[in-house]
Amino acid sequence: MSQENIDVENMTFEEAMAALEELVKKLEAGGIDLDESLGIYERAVALRNHCKKILDDGQRRIQKIMETPEGIQTSAFEE
């Protein structure tokens, strides 16, 4: 399934990565004009930013579980 017509913000991480891989293959294959190459590059940047946002959001959601005398306690993920 082509990912070109799907809004980037509505894509899952896996869909965005697959679409990004498709775009990279198109650019690497060559044979496309400058305008199309720039359009592909712009979409690739949007996909990359979307993937980074998903990963950043996921990292913030990760929590450490710590067992204390009071029971199980959670705390925010620390880098």
Protein backbone atom coordinates (compact mmCIF):
# COMPACT_ATOMS: atom_id res chain seq x y z
CA MET A 1 0.00 0.00 0.00
CA SER A 2 1.40 3.40 -0.97
CA GLN A 3 1.77 5.78 1.96
CA GLU A 4 2.02 8.93 -0.19
CA ASN A 5 -1.59 10.08 0.29
CA ILE A 6 -1.83 9.44 4.04
CA ASP A 7 -1.46 12.45 6.34
CA VAL A 8 1.83 12.07 8.22
CA GLU A 9 0.31 13.05 11.58
CA ASN A 10 -2.18 10.16 11.35
CA MET A 11 0.45 7.50 10.65
CA THR A 12 1.65 4.96 13.13
CA PHE A 13 5.38 4.71 13.72
CA GLU A 14 5.55 1.59 11.55
CA GLU A 15 3.63 3.22 8.70
CA ALA A 16 5.83 6.30 8.81
CA MET A 17 9.02 4.24 8.80
CA ALA A 18 7.78 2.15 5.85
CA ALA A 19 6.88 5.32 3.93
CA LEU A 20 10.27 6.83 4.74
CA GLU A 21 12.05 3.71 3.48
CA GLU A 22 10.04 3.91 0.22
CA LEU A 23 11.08 7.51 -0.27
CA VAL A 24 14.73 6.75 0.38
CA LYS A 25 14.60 3.98 -2.25
CA LYS A 26 13.07 6.41 -4.77
CA LEU A 27 15.80 8.97 -4.14
CA GLU A 28 18.56 6.36 -4.31
CA ALA A 29 17.19 4.93 -7.58
CA GLY A 30 17.55 8.31 -9.27
CA GLY A 31 15.95 9.18 -12.56
CA ILE A 32 13.61 11.79 -11.08
CA ASP A 33 13.66 15.52 -11.70
CA LEU A 34 14.72 18.12 -9.17
CA ASP A 35 11.19 19.25 -8.28
CA GLU A 36 10.07 15.70 -7.53
CA SER A 37 13.26 15.06 -5.56
CA LEU A 38 12.61 18.15 -3.43
CA GLY A 39 9.02 17.07 -2.80
CA ILE A 40 10.21 13.61 -1.75
CA TYR A 41 12.84 15.16 0.51
CA GLU A 42 10.25 17.45 2.16
CA ARG A 43 7.94 14.50 2.86
CA ALA A 44 10.88 12.46 4.16
CA VAL A 45 11.77 15.22 6.62
CA ALA A 46 8.13 15.38 7.81
CA LEU A 47 8.11 11.59 8.27
CA ARG A 48 11.41 11.67 10.15
CA ASN A 49 10.13 14.41 12.46
CA HIS A 50 6.92 12.46 13.08
CA CYS A 51 8.88 9.30 13.96
CA LYS A 52 11.12 11.28 16.30
CA LYS A 53 8.07 12.79 18.02
CA ILE A 54 6.55 9.33 18.54
CA LEU A 55 9.81 8.03 19.99
CA ASP A 56 10.21 11.08 22.23
CA ASP A 57 6.63 10.69 23.48
CA GLY A 58 7.25 7.01 24.16
CA GLN A 59 10.41 7.76 26.08
CA ARG A 60 8.52 10.19 28.33
CA ARG A 61 5.94 7.50 29.02
CA ILE A 62 8.48 4.95 30.11
CA GLN A 63 8.44 4.61 33.85
CA LYS A 64 10.73 2.83 36.21
CA ILE A 65 9.06 0.55 38.70
CA MET A 66 10.71 0.61 42.06
CA GLU A 67 9.79 -1.62 44.96
CA THR A 68 9.86 0.22 48.26
CA PRO A 69 8.77 -0.72 51.77
CA GLU A 70 5.49 1.06 51.00
CA GLY A 71 4.89 -1.08 47.92
CA ILE A 72 5.49 -0.62 44.23
CA GLN A 73 6.18 2.95 43.28
CA THR A 74 6.62 4.44 39.83
CA SER A 75 8.78 7.34 38.80
CA ALA A 76 9.39 9.09 35.51
CA PHE A 77 12.04 7.75 33.19
CA GLU A 78 15.40 9.46 33.67
CA GLU A 79 17.98 9.64 30.91
